């Protein structure tokens, strides 16, 4: 099983937050919306794979 990096998760979460924040003024909102959905799916899979020991 691959080790999930909490630093990578945090980085991806910040990227997603930035993308969501700028979505209303995006030049390509449909593409950005799709990318946000992809990032959400990636974060969901990564969080599911995160070992319980990493949570506390």
Protein backbone atom coordinates (compact mmCIF):
# COMPACT_ATOMS: atom_id res chain seq x y z
CA UNK A 1 0.00 0.00 0.00
CA UNK A 2 1.29 3.43 -0.88
CA UNK A 3 2.03 5.84 1.91
CA UNK A 4 -0.18 8.90 1.81
CA UNK A 5 1.64 12.16 2.54
CA UNK A 6 -0.27 14.51 4.80
CA UNK A 7 1.80 17.36 3.34
CA UNK A 8 0.57 16.44 -0.14
CA UNK A 9 -3.01 16.28 1.14
CA UNK A 10 -2.67 19.72 2.70
CA UNK A 11 -1.17 21.11 -0.49
CA UNK A 12 -3.96 19.67 -2.64
CA UNK A 13 -6.59 20.97 -0.20
CA UNK A 14 -5.10 24.49 -0.39
CA UNK A 15 -5.07 24.28 -4.19
CA UNK A 16 -8.71 23.22 -4.18
CA UNK A 17 -9.64 26.06 -1.80
CA UNK A 18 -7.88 28.58 -4.06
CA UNK A 19 -9.63 27.21 -7.13
CA UNK A 20 -13.05 27.32 -5.45
CA UNK A 21 -12.42 30.88 -4.27
CA UNK A 22 -11.57 32.07 -7.78
CA UNK A 23 -14.28 30.05 -9.54
CA UNK A 24 -16.74 32.99 -9.80
CA UNK A 25 -14.19 35.07 -11.76
CA UNK A 26 -12.57 32.26 -13.71
CA UNK A 27 -12.06 32.67 -17.45
CA UNK A 28 -12.97 28.99 -17.91
CA UNK A 29 -15.43 28.20 -15.11
CA UNK A 30 -16.60 24.90 -16.59
CA UNK A 31 -13.03 23.61 -16.86
CA UNK A 32 -12.18 24.90 -13.40
CA UNK A 33 -15.32 23.31 -11.97
CA UNK A 34 -14.31 19.97 -13.50
CA UNK A 35 -10.81 20.31 -12.06
CA UNK A 36 -12.28 21.06 -8.62
CA UNK A 37 -14.38 17.90 -8.85
CA UNK A 38 -11.29 15.90 -9.83
CA UNK A 39 -9.34 17.30 -6.88
CA UNK A 40 -12.21 16.47 -4.53
CA UNK A 41 -12.25 12.89 -5.77
CA UNK A 42 -8.46 12.62 -5.34
CA UNK A 43 -8.66 14.03 -1.81
CA UNK A 44 -11.46 11.63 -0.93
CA UNK A 45 -9.43 8.63 -2.11
CA UNK A 46 -6.32 9.86 -0.31
CA UNK A 47 -8.18 10.48 2.95
CA UNK A 48 -9.71 7.03 2.76
CA UNK A 49 -6.23 5.55 2.34
CA UNK A 50 -4.75 7.62 5.16
CA UNK A 51 -3.76 5.38 8.07
CA UNK A 52 -5.68 5.98 11.30
CA UNK A 53 -2.37 6.61 13.11
CA UNK A 54 -1.84 9.73 10.98
CA UNK A 55 -5.07 11.24 12.28
CA UNK A 56 -4.04 11.59 15.84
